[in-house]
Structures are given as C-alpha cells and as structure tokens.
Amino acid sequence: MNSALIKRFCDFTDASPTAYHAVDNIAAALEARGALRLDERAAWRLEPGRAYYVVRSGSALIAFRPGLRPPAEEGFVLEGAHTDSPSLKARLEKGLPGKGMERAPVEIYGGPIVSTWLDRPLSLAGRVAVKGQDGKVESRLVNFARPVGLVPNLAVHLNREINKGFEYNAQNHLPVLLSSAGKEAEKTDGEASAPALARLVAAELGLEPEAILGADLYFVDAQKLAVLGPAGELLNGYRLDDLLGCHAVLEAFLGAPPAPHGQVACFLDNEEVGSRSIQGADSSFLRDVLGRVSALQGCTTEGFYRALSSSFSISVDVAQAFHGSYAEKYDERFAPLVNGGPAVKVNANLRYATDAEAEGRFRLFCEQAGVPCQKFMSRADMAPGSTIGPLSSSLTGIRTVDVGAPLLSMHSIRETGGALDHEMMTAALGVAFATKP
C-alpha cells in the first residue's frame, strides 16, 4: 500500500471541509509544483508544457498543461471531479433563541442522509464576504476546525416510532444547537444585537457582526478522517464523495510529464445540486478555458472544433459499492467491491456518459497501470445518480467515460471507501494523462 499517497489524501481531506477549502488546497499543491495562476479577466500568455490553473467563484478550479503540439492535431486529455458534497448550509442572519438556548437555522444542500447529521459534533466552515480596506468586497475563508454545535435528536420516549422510520423537517428539526445557558439566559433571549452564529463567526474573524456582508457557511463533520482495517485498507470520513475523485485527479496531473496533447484537470462545483452555476459542469467554464488555450496555441475556430473532436475525458466520481446487508439492492454482476479496483459506470438512460468505446479506453488504461477494472450498473428497476460527465460532454462534444471508486454509505456524513481503490484509481488516471487521446 502506498502509505505516502494515503497520508496526502488524509491531510487533503481533513483540510477541505468545503469546496472553497478544497480549491484553496488544490491551488497550493499546484503552485508548490510550479503551476502559475491565471486570472480570467487578464490576457494570458502560455508556454507549452508548463502547468497553469484558473479559479472561478472560489469553489471551482481548472488546471491545464498546454500540449507540445497544436491542439487541433493532438487534442486534450481531460479528467474531472466535483468539489462539493451534501451538507447543511447555515443561515447566518437569523437566530433561534429561546428557553436559554441559541440555535442556528440551516438549509439542506444536496441530498444527504439526514439522520447521520444528528447527535454528532459539528464544525463550521466556508467563506465570508466582508468590506475590505479599499471599499470593495473581500472574501475570507473560515474553518473553525473544532466542534461548535450539534443537531440534537428527540428522546425515543417522545417518539416511540422513530426506529420504524422518521422524516426530518429541515425547518423544524435540523437547527444546530450552539449554546445553552438555562434559566439565567431566559430574560436576555432576543436582546442580542446579532444572532449567535453571526457573533461566533465575527469573533473568529476578529470583526464586528455588522462587518459581515454575506456568507456561504456550512456545518460540517468535526471528526477527522479515520483509517481502519488490519492493513489500513479502509478510509472513513466526511466528503469522500468526491474528494476521492479530486485527489486522484490532482495526483495524476501533478505526476504527469508534458505530452504532445494538452492535459486538463477539472475540479467543478455544485454537482450535488445539478451543476447549474457559473462554476459547475453545466456552465461555460470548461469550454471557455479550452477555447482560450486553443486560441493561444494558434487554433482557428475550425481548429478548436477539431481539438474537441480529438479529445477524451474521464469523469471521476464514486460508485455505489456492494453492501452485504442490502444485497437485494444490487445487480450482483455489476456490484463493485471496496478495494476491488476502479469501476466503470454505465446507464442506458445516460445518467452516466459512458459508451462502449469510452469504457474500452478506460479498461486499457487500467490494464496498462496493472490494476483491475470493475463495472457498476444499477438494477434494471432502479435509477442511479448522475455525475458531471453527461453535462460536460454535452457542452463540449468530447467523448467521456464515467468512473468511480467504490463507496459505502454514499451521502452519509461519514462515508467508507478503500485505500487500495484510491491508489489504483490514481495509477489509472496517471496512465490516461500520458496517453494520446
């Protein structure tokens, strides 16, 4: 087992509680290896074979290495993952004081397994917009990296049927408890000038609450990633969907030597809510970057379309791993095992972008890397989730394969994957970056 790779993954995951932090850490890793940051508003000058990256909205990043030959002749190899995960987004401006307790209201982001968020310590992370010294809006990252609250469940004595199934209401049941001062605080309830959460965030930043102009803050798991199993073969933690994909793509890109073709690593936001944002897969971001790179390498409009047709893309997410306690939920022939290798994801209704040729290409990458390749297809009477693959491929016209590391408890606050799968996925993606599309 490549313990160095897994150690880097653990560090990356623990430091990336939100998409904003993931992008910040990806940028730092790229710069440490000599990549140059570009601004979409500025003119670009590119050197073939050198690594560059551009950030959009603070939560999405595209890194690229222009090919040593013209894109119209060689095309691009692209690998992409998403930076976001299901979570509870904090509503900063509204407090819920009462009976000496201070709670923060939340809104559900994506499709989490809600019950897993209750009765466990939650931290707070994200970004805050404040007024800078130049009078403009300044964005600051926040990561408390410690417990600040929890969502308490109702005692079983008051809900005897809870173990038979219960639907949690986001408005009523999911506010996060921040503090409780009992009767001593009852007389002051409602008198605070700002909600408890706003005061907490302001104090962390060394500001007054009124200095905060806006915020994208999320309650996140306060526990670090855990490595389990006799050989350290299991990874259990928050946001493995899709930090496993992000880290594998990043490691493969950093390890790839310059090639005749262009190499592109995409880290896009908002997959969990449909990708319809300026920084999501269903946006112009990827096509904008490919267009600019192609133009700066001498492509005409026709040359750009030739480059797209000559390219190949790998959408890297996670796949539903076989769960022995729920065997009836799987088609046994297409149920990938944890630590059984990367899985190609296929769906007749194009919830995944994979077709037979794209599947064949990825299987050859795995063969060259010396790793097994599994296949995920949902039961014929069930619909799977989707990925960035169908969206980015439809917007660019680039043939795409959807793949993923097998994952248990997908969309739980803590998911479980395989360390061996992460190593094997990284190896296969490394071969892909080095192979002519």
Protein backbone atom coordinates (compact mmCIF):
# COMPACT_ATOMS: atom_id res chain seq x y z
CA MET A 1 0.00 0.00 0.00
CA ASN A 2 1.27 3.47 -0.93
CA SER A 3 1.14 4.96 2.55
CA ALA A 4 2.58 8.28 1.33
CA LEU A 5 -0.32 8.74 -1.12
CA ILE A 6 -2.89 7.82 1.52
CA LYS A 7 -1.26 10.17 4.04
CA ARG A 8 -1.50 13.01 1.50
CA PHE A 9 -5.15 12.12 0.90
CA CYS A 10 -5.92 12.17 4.62
CA ASP A 11 -4.26 15.57 5.02
CA PHE A 12 -6.06 16.93 1.96
CA THR A 13 -9.46 15.68 3.15
CA ASP A 14 -9.07 16.96 6.71
CA ALA A 15 -8.13 20.40 5.35
CA SER A 16 -11.01 20.53 2.83
CA PRO A 17 -14.32 20.72 4.74
CA THR A 18 -15.92 22.76 1.92
CA ALA A 19 -15.47 23.25 -1.82
CA TYR A 20 -13.73 26.57 -1.11
CA HIS A 21 -11.10 24.89 1.04
CA ALA A 22 -10.64 22.06 -1.44
CA VAL A 23 -9.91 24.55 -4.22
CA ASP A 24 -7.57 26.51 -1.96
CA ASN A 25 -5.64 23.32 -1.17
CA ILE A 26 -5.55 22.19 -4.80
CA ALA A 27 -4.18 25.61 -5.78
CA ALA A 28 -1.48 25.39 -3.10
CA ALA A 29 -0.43 21.93 -4.32
CA LEU A 30 -0.25 23.15 -7.91
CA GLU A 31 1.79 26.21 -7.00
CA ALA A 32 4.19 24.11 -4.94
CA ARG A 33 4.92 22.24 -8.19
CA GLY A 34 5.44 25.40 -10.22
CA ALA A 35 1.97 25.98 -11.67
CA LEU A 36 1.09 29.60 -12.47
CA ARG A 37 -2.28 31.07 -11.53
CA LEU A 38 -4.16 32.92 -14.27
CA ASP A 39 -6.96 35.47 -13.98
CA GLU A 40 -9.91 35.09 -16.37
CA ARG A 41 -10.04 38.91 -16.66
CA ALA A 42 -6.41 39.24 -17.77
CA ALA A 43 -4.66 38.40 -21.02
CA TRP A 44 -2.94 35.00 -20.94
CA ARG A 45 0.45 34.00 -22.29
CA LEU A 46 1.06 30.29 -22.33
CA GLU A 47 4.16 28.15 -22.65
CA PRO A 48 3.68 24.61 -23.96
CA GLY A 49 4.36 22.01 -21.30
CA ARG A 50 4.02 24.38 -18.34
CA ALA A 51 1.22 23.98 -15.78
CA TYR A 52 -1.36 26.72 -15.21
CA TYR A 53 -4.64 27.00 -13.34
CA VAL A 54 -7.63 29.31 -13.12
CA VAL A 55 -10.19 29.61 -10.29
CA ARG A 56 -13.81 30.60 -10.72
CA SER A 57 -16.02 31.71 -7.81
CA GLY A 58 -13.55 30.36 -5.27
CA SER A 59 -15.02 26.85 -5.43
CA ALA A 60 -14.03 25.56 -8.87
CA LEU A 61 -10.62 25.24 -10.49
CA ILE A 62 -9.32 24.09 -13.85
CA ALA A 63 -5.62 23.24 -14.17
CA PHE A 64 -4.04 22.61 -17.55
CA ARG A 65 -0.74 21.91 -19.23
CA PRO A 66 -0.72 23.05 -22.89
CA GLY A 67 0.45 20.31 -25.23
CA LEU A 68 3.79 20.40 -27.02
CA ARG A 69 1.95 20.23 -30.35
CA PRO A 70 -1.11 22.15 -31.63
CA PRO A 71 -4.46 21.15 -30.05
CA ALA A 72 -6.05 20.78 -33.49
CA GLU A 73 -3.64 17.92 -34.16
CA GLU A 74 -3.38 16.31 -30.73
CA GLY A 75 -6.47 17.29 -28.73
CA PHE A 76 -6.76 17.19 -24.93
CA VAL A 77 -6.96 14.55 -22.22
CA LEU A 78 -9.33 15.76 -19.51
CA GLU A 79 -10.05 14.38 -16.06
CA GLY A 80 -12.69 15.91 -13.81
CA ALA A 81 -14.25 15.61 -10.37
CA HIS A 82 -16.56 17.73 -8.21
CA THR A 83 -15.60 19.73 -5.14
CA ASP A 84 -18.96 19.87 -3.32
CA SER A 85 -20.77 17.40 -1.05
CA PRO A 86 -24.21 17.22 0.61
CA SER A 87 -24.30 19.31 3.75
CA LEU A 88 -26.24 21.68 6.00
CA LYS A 89 -25.83 25.30 4.93
CA ALA A 90 -26.05 27.83 7.76
CA ARG A 91 -28.50 30.74 7.68
CA LEU A 92 -26.31 33.36 9.28
CA GLU A 93 -28.69 36.29 9.59
CA LYS A 94 -31.40 34.53 11.57
CA GLY A 95 -31.13 33.33 15.14
CA LEU A 96 -33.41 31.00 17.07
CA PRO A 97 -33.12 31.97 20.73
CA GLY A 98 -35.48 30.64 23.35
CA LYS A 99 -35.51 28.99 26.78
CA GLY A 100 -31.86 29.93 27.21
CA MET A 101 -30.84 28.00 24.11
CA GLU A 102 -29.32 29.52 20.99
CA ARG A 103 -29.75 27.65 17.72
CA ALA A 104 -28.79 28.35 14.12
CA PRO A 105 -31.24 27.56 11.30
CA VAL A 106 -29.97 25.60 8.31
CA GLU A 107 -30.90 24.69 4.78
CA ILE A 108 -30.19 21.30 3.23
CA TYR A 109 -27.65 21.35 0.38
CA GLY A 110 -27.85 18.37 -1.96
CA GLY A 111 -29.19 15.02 -0.85
CA PRO A 112 -27.61 13.97 2.46
CA ILE A 113 -28.70 11.02 4.59
CA VAL A 114 -30.15 13.47 7.10
CA SER A 115 -30.26 11.19 10.13
CA THR A 116 -26.47 10.81 10.07
CA TRP A 117 -26.05 14.51 10.86
CA LEU A 118 -27.83 14.31 14.21
CA ASP A 119 -26.23 13.91 17.64
CA ARG A 120 -22.65 14.36 16.49
CA PRO A 121 -20.27 17.32 16.95
CA LEU A 122 -20.40 19.70 14.01
CA SER A 123 -17.84 22.28 12.99
CA LEU A 124 -18.38 25.30 10.74
CA ALA A 125 -16.54 26.20 7.54
CA GLY A 126 -16.94 28.17 4.32
CA ARG A 127 -16.35 31.72 3.18
CA VAL A 128 -17.43 35.12 4.40
CA ALA A 129 -17.70 38.34 2.40
CA VAL A 130 -16.54 41.48 4.25
CA LYS A 131 -15.84 45.06 3.28
CA GLY A 132 -12.12 45.45 2.54
CA GLN A 133 -9.96 48.46 3.24
CA ASP A 134 -10.32 49.53 -0.40
CA GLY A 135 -14.09 49.61 -0.02
CA LYS A 136 -14.55 46.50 -2.15
CA VAL A 137 -15.90 43.11 -1.17
CA GLU A 138 -13.23 40.84 0.25
CA SER A 139 -13.71 37.08 0.61
CA ARG A 140 -12.24 35.24 3.61
CA LEU A 141 -12.10 31.52 4.23
CA VAL A 142 -13.35 30.26 7.59
CA ASN A 143 -12.63 26.87 9.10
CA PHE A 144 -13.30 26.53 12.81
CA ALA A 145 -11.73 23.04 12.77
CA ARG A 146 -13.39 22.32 16.11
CA PRO A 147 -16.90 21.45 17.29
CA VAL A 148 -19.25 24.42 17.56
CA GLY A 149 -22.66 22.75 17.78
CA LEU A 150 -24.87 19.74 17.09
CA VAL A 151 -28.37 18.80 15.97
CA PRO A 152 -29.98 17.02 18.96
CA ASN A 153 -32.46 14.25 18.28
CA LEU A 154 -35.73 13.77 20.15
CA ALA A 155 -35.76 11.27 23.01
CA VAL A 156 -37.18 7.89 21.97
CA HIS A 157 -39.74 8.19 24.80
CA LEU A 158 -41.30 11.12 22.92
CA ASN A 159 -41.14 9.42 19.53
CA ARG A 160 -41.61 5.69 20.04
CA GLU A 161 -41.85 5.05 16.29
CA ILE A 162 -38.52 6.63 15.34
CA ASN A 163 -36.85 3.30 14.60
CA LYS A 164 -39.61 2.49 12.14
CA GLY A 165 -38.68 5.48 10.03
CA PHE A 166 -38.95 9.23 10.53
CA GLU A 167 -38.78 12.15 8.10
CA TYR A 168 -36.80 15.09 9.46
CA ASN A 169 -38.09 18.54 8.57
CA ALA A 170 -35.29 20.97 7.78
CA GLN A 171 -37.13 23.99 9.18
CA ASN A 172 -38.27 22.38 12.42
CA HIS A 173 -35.87 19.56 13.28
CA LEU A 174 -32.41 20.48 11.93
CA PRO A 175 -31.42 23.81 13.56
CA VAL A 176 -27.98 23.46 15.14
CA LEU A 177 -27.71 23.94 18.91
CA LEU A 178 -24.85 26.36 19.64
CA SER A 179 -25.24 27.06 23.35
CA SER A 180 -27.49 26.71 26.35
CA ALA A 181 -27.32 28.92 29.43
CA GLY A 182 -30.54 27.71 31.05
CA LYS A 183 -32.81 29.97 33.09
CA GLU A 184 -30.10 32.59 33.62
CA ALA A 185 -30.35 33.46 29.95
CA GLU A 186 -34.14 33.46 29.60
CA LYS A 187 -34.51 37.13 30.45
CA THR A 188 -31.98 38.12 27.75
CA ASP A 189 -33.43 35.99 24.94
CA GLY A 190 -34.00 38.13 21.87
CA GLU A 191 -31.97 41.09 23.18
CA ALA A 192 -28.70 40.30 21.35
CA SER A 193 -27.84 42.69 18.53
CA ALA A 194 -26.92 39.83 16.20
CA PRO A 195 -27.77 36.12 16.00
CA ALA A 196 -25.50 33.77 17.93
CA LEU A 197 -23.96 32.30 14.78
CA ALA A 198 -23.12 35.73 13.38
CA ARG A 199 -21.43 36.66 16.64
CA LEU A 200 -19.49 33.40 16.62
CA VAL A 201 -18.22 33.90 13.06
CA ALA A 202 -17.40 37.56 13.62
CA ALA A 203 -15.38 36.72 16.72
CA GLU A 204 -13.45 34.07 14.78
CA LEU A 205 -12.55 36.67 12.15
CA GLY A 206 -11.84 39.44 14.65
CA LEU A 207 -14.69 41.57 13.30
CA GLU A 208 -17.97 43.04 14.44
CA PRO A 209 -21.05 41.15 13.19
CA GLU A 210 -22.20 44.12 11.13
CA ALA A 211 -18.95 43.94 9.11
CA ILE A 212 -20.13 40.71 7.50
CA LEU A 213 -21.74 41.43 4.12
CA GLY A 214 -22.60 37.85 3.18
CA ALA A 215 -21.61 34.27 3.86
CA ASP A 216 -21.53 30.77 2.38
CA LEU A 217 -21.06 28.73 5.55
CA TYR A 218 -21.72 25.05 6.18
CA PHE A 219 -21.96 22.90 9.25
CA VAL A 220 -19.50 20.06 8.65
CA ASP A 221 -18.31 16.95 10.44
CA ALA A 222 -15.87 17.87 13.20
CA GLN A 223 -14.16 14.46 13.21
CA LYS A 224 -11.10 13.80 11.06
CA LEU A 225 -10.79 11.04 8.50
CA ALA A 226 -10.13 7.60 10.02
CA VAL A 227 -8.03 4.80 8.53
CA LEU A 228 -9.39 1.38 9.51
CA GLY A 229 -8.72 -2.30 8.94
CA PRO A 230 -5.74 -4.53 9.78
CA ALA A 231 -3.75 -3.20 6.83
CA GLY A 232 -5.19 0.32 6.92
CA GLU A 233 -7.23 -0.56 3.84
CA LEU A 234 -10.44 1.31 4.73
CA LEU A 235 -10.98 5.07 4.72
CA ASN A 236 -13.88 6.51 6.71
CA GLY A 237 -14.66 10.20 6.72
CA TYR A 238 -16.55 13.26 5.56
CA ARG A 239 -16.79 14.24 1.86
CA LEU A 240 -15.15 11.17 0.34
CA ASP A 241 -17.72 11.88 -2.39
CA ASP A 242 -15.95 13.43 -4.20
CA LEU A 243 -12.65 14.30 -2.53
CA LEU A 244 -11.51 10.81 -3.54
CA GLY A 245 -12.00 11.86 -7.15
CA CYS A 246 -10.48 15.31 -6.68
CA HIS A 247 -7.33 13.98 -5.03
CA ALA A 248 -6.84 11.19 -7.57
CA VAL A 249 -7.12 13.66 -10.46
CA LEU A 250 -4.79 16.12 -8.72
CA GLU A 251 -2.14 13.47 -8.00
CA ALA A 252 -2.32 12.15 -11.57
CA PHE A 253 -1.98 15.65 -13.02
CA LEU A 254 0.96 16.56 -10.79
CA GLY A 255 2.74 13.35 -11.73
CA ALA A 256 2.15 13.61 -15.47
CA PRO A 257 5.05 14.74 -17.68
CA PRO A 258 4.34 17.19 -20.53
CA ALA A 259 2.91 15.49 -23.62
CA PRO A 260 2.14 16.35 -27.25
CA HIS A 261 -1.54 16.66 -26.25
CA GLY A 262 -2.98 19.08 -23.72
CA GLN A 263 -3.68 17.83 -20.19
CA VAL A 264 -6.61 19.28 -18.23
CA ALA A 265 -7.69 18.64 -14.62
CA CYS A 266 -11.17 19.95 -13.76
CA PHE A 267 -12.48 20.49 -10.24
CA LEU A 268 -16.05 21.74 -10.60
CA ASP A 269 -18.62 22.79 -8.01
CA ASN A 270 -22.34 22.21 -7.42
CA GLU A 271 -22.63 18.68 -8.84
CA GLU A 272 -24.81 17.71 -5.89
CA VAL A 273 -27.48 20.25 -6.88
CA GLY A 274 -27.43 19.86 -10.65
CA SER A 275 -24.26 21.79 -11.65
CA ARG A 276 -26.23 24.80 -12.91
CA SER A 277 -23.95 27.57 -11.71
CA ILE A 278 -21.18 29.61 -13.30
CA GLN A 279 -18.67 27.28 -11.65
CA GLY A 280 -20.45 23.99 -12.34
CA ALA A 281 -20.19 21.37 -15.08
CA ASP A 282 -23.34 22.82 -16.69
CA SER A 283 -21.61 26.15 -17.31
CA SER A 284 -19.24 27.74 -19.79
CA PHE A 285 -16.19 27.35 -17.53
CA LEU A 286 -14.58 24.31 -19.13
CA ARG A 287 -15.35 25.30 -22.72
CA ASP A 288 -14.08 28.84 -22.01
CA VAL A 289 -10.75 27.54 -20.78
CA LEU A 290 -10.32 25.06 -23.64
CA GLY A 291 -11.20 27.79 -26.13
CA ARG A 292 -8.64 30.21 -24.76
CA VAL A 293 -5.89 27.60 -24.59
CA SER A 294 -6.61 26.54 -28.17
CA ALA A 295 -6.64 30.12 -29.45
CA LEU A 296 -3.35 30.92 -27.73
CA GLN A 297 -1.80 27.86 -29.34
CA GLY A 298 -2.74 29.08 -32.81
CA CYS A 299 -6.06 27.33 -33.36
CA THR A 300 -8.61 28.81 -35.70
CA THR A 301 -12.30 28.30 -34.94
CA GLU A 302 -12.21 25.18 -37.09
CA GLY A 303 -9.04 24.07 -35.29
CA PHE A 304 -10.80 24.39 -31.94
CA TYR A 305 -13.61 22.10 -33.08
CA ARG A 306 -11.03 19.64 -34.37
CA ALA A 307 -9.32 19.74 -30.98
CA LEU A 308 -12.57 18.91 -29.17
CA SER A 309 -13.24 16.02 -31.53
CA SER A 310 -9.73 14.69 -30.90
CA SER A 311 -10.07 14.77 -27.10
CA PHE A 312 -11.04 12.29 -24.40
CA SER A 313 -12.44 12.93 -20.92
CA ILE A 314 -12.71 10.92 -17.70
CA SER A 315 -15.40 11.93 -15.20
CA VAL A 316 -14.15 10.70 -11.80
CA ASP A 317 -16.72 10.38 -9.04
CA VAL A 318 -17.58 7.45 -6.76
CA ALA A 319 -19.62 4.29 -7.34
CA GLN A 320 -22.11 2.52 -5.09
CA ALA A 321 -20.11 -0.31 -3.54
CA PHE A 322 -21.72 -3.67 -2.79
CA HIS A 323 -23.21 -3.70 0.72
CA GLY A 324 -23.72 -7.20 2.12
CA SER A 325 -26.58 -6.14 4.39
CA TYR A 326 -28.62 -4.92 1.41
CA ALA A 327 -27.67 -7.41 -1.30
CA GLU A 328 -31.15 -7.19 -2.84
CA LYS A 329 -30.48 -3.58 -3.86
CA TYR A 330 -27.79 -4.60 -6.36
CA ASP A 331 -27.46 -6.43 -9.63
CA GLU A 332 -24.87 -8.93 -8.44
CA ARG A 333 -22.96 -8.93 -11.76
CA PHE A 334 -22.46 -5.16 -11.59
CA ALA A 335 -21.86 -4.55 -7.87
CA PRO A 336 -18.26 -3.31 -7.38
CA LEU A 337 -16.40 -4.32 -4.25
CA VAL A 338 -14.45 -1.98 -1.98
CA ASN A 339 -10.74 -2.40 -2.80
CA GLY A 340 -11.63 -4.32 -5.96
CA GLY A 341 -10.42 -1.53 -8.25
CA PRO A 342 -11.94 1.43 -10.14
CA ALA A 343 -15.43 0.90 -11.54
CA VAL A 344 -16.72 2.00 -14.93
CA LYS A 345 -20.25 3.41 -14.55
CA VAL A 346 -22.82 2.68 -17.26
CA ASN A 347 -26.51 3.55 -17.62
CA ALA A 348 -28.80 3.08 -20.61
CA ASN A 349 -30.60 6.38 -19.94
CA LEU A 350 -27.32 8.31 -19.92
CA ARG A 351 -27.19 9.15 -16.24
CA TYR A 352 -23.53 8.44 -16.99
CA ALA A 353 -21.71 9.48 -20.17
CA THR A 354 -20.05 6.10 -20.79
CA ASP A 355 -20.47 4.30 -24.10
CA ALA A 356 -18.77 1.10 -25.26
CA GLU A 357 -15.76 2.83 -26.83
CA ALA A 358 -15.17 5.06 -23.80
CA GLU A 359 -15.44 2.03 -21.50
CA GLY A 360 -12.93 0.18 -23.64
CA ARG A 361 -10.43 3.02 -23.42
CA PHE A 362 -10.60 3.18 -19.65
CA ARG A 363 -10.21 -0.59 -19.37
CA LEU A 364 -6.99 -0.31 -21.38
CA PHE A 365 -5.73 2.42 -19.03
CA CYS A 366 -6.32 0.08 -16.10
CA GLU A 367 -4.61 -2.76 -17.95
CA GLN A 368 -1.55 -0.59 -18.62
CA ALA A 369 -1.49 0.50 -14.98
CA GLY A 370 -1.72 -3.11 -13.83
CA VAL A 371 -4.95 -2.62 -11.88
CA PRO A 372 -8.32 -4.42 -12.08
CA CYS A 373 -11.37 -2.69 -13.51
CA GLN A 374 -14.89 -3.28 -12.19
CA LYS A 375 -18.26 -2.21 -13.58
CA PHE A 376 -21.23 -0.56 -11.91
CA MET A 377 -24.75 -0.71 -13.29
CA SER A 378 -27.79 -0.23 -11.11
CA ARG A 379 -30.60 -2.78 -11.00
CA ALA A 380 -32.74 -2.51 -14.12
CA ASP A 381 -35.68 -1.40 -11.96
CA MET A 382 -33.74 1.38 -10.18
CA ALA A 383 -32.30 4.71 -11.37
CA PRO A 384 -28.76 5.64 -10.29
CA GLY A 385 -27.47 9.11 -9.50
CA SER A 386 -25.65 11.18 -12.08
CA THR A 387 -22.31 12.98 -12.42
CA ILE A 388 -20.56 15.83 -14.17
CA GLY A 389 -19.87 13.51 -17.12
CA PRO A 390 -23.09 13.85 -19.15
CA LEU A 391 -23.14 17.64 -18.65
CA SER A 392 -19.53 18.43 -19.56
CA SER A 393 -19.58 16.03 -22.52
CA SER A 394 -22.79 17.52 -23.95
CA LEU A 395 -21.36 21.05 -23.70
CA THR A 396 -18.00 20.21 -25.26
CA GLY A 397 -18.75 17.28 -27.57
CA ILE A 398 -15.89 15.32 -26.00
CA ARG A 399 -16.26 11.54 -25.65
CA THR A 400 -16.39 10.78 -21.92
CA VAL A 401 -16.24 7.80 -19.59
CA ASP A 402 -17.71 7.89 -16.08
CA VAL A 403 -15.72 6.02 -13.45
CA GLY A 404 -15.62 5.88 -9.67
CA ALA A 405 -14.03 4.36 -6.61
CA PRO A 406 -16.50 2.02 -4.82
CA LEU A 407 -18.01 3.74 -1.78
CA LEU A 408 -20.23 2.62 1.11
CA SER A 409 -22.76 4.92 2.83
CA MET A 410 -22.72 7.43 -0.03
CA HIS A 411 -24.14 10.80 1.12
CA SER A 412 -23.84 9.93 4.79
CA ILE A 413 -21.93 12.45 6.87
CA ARG A 414 -19.23 9.75 7.02
CA GLU A 415 -18.63 7.51 4.03
CA THR A 416 -16.33 4.49 3.68
CA GLY A 417 -14.03 3.71 0.77
CA GLY A 418 -10.91 1.72 0.03
CA ALA A 419 -7.31 2.91 0.28
CA LEU A 420 -6.32 0.38 -2.39
CA ASP A 421 -9.01 1.72 -4.72
CA HIS A 422 -7.61 5.23 -4.33
CA GLU A 423 -4.13 4.02 -5.23
CA MET A 424 -5.42 2.08 -8.24
CA MET A 425 -7.58 4.95 -9.49
CA THR A 426 -4.65 7.35 -9.24
CA ALA A 427 -2.45 4.95 -11.20
CA ALA A 428 -5.03 4.51 -13.98
CA LEU A 429 -5.56 8.28 -14.26
CA GLY A 430 -1.80 8.77 -14.49
CA VAL A 431 -1.68 6.43 -17.49
CA ALA A 432 -4.59 8.31 -19.08
CA PHE A 433 -2.86 11.69 -18.83
CA ALA A 434 0.20 10.25 -20.58
CA THR A 435 -1.76 8.54 -23.39
CA LYS A 436 -2.70 10.22 -26.67
CA PRO A 437 -6.47 10.80 -26.68
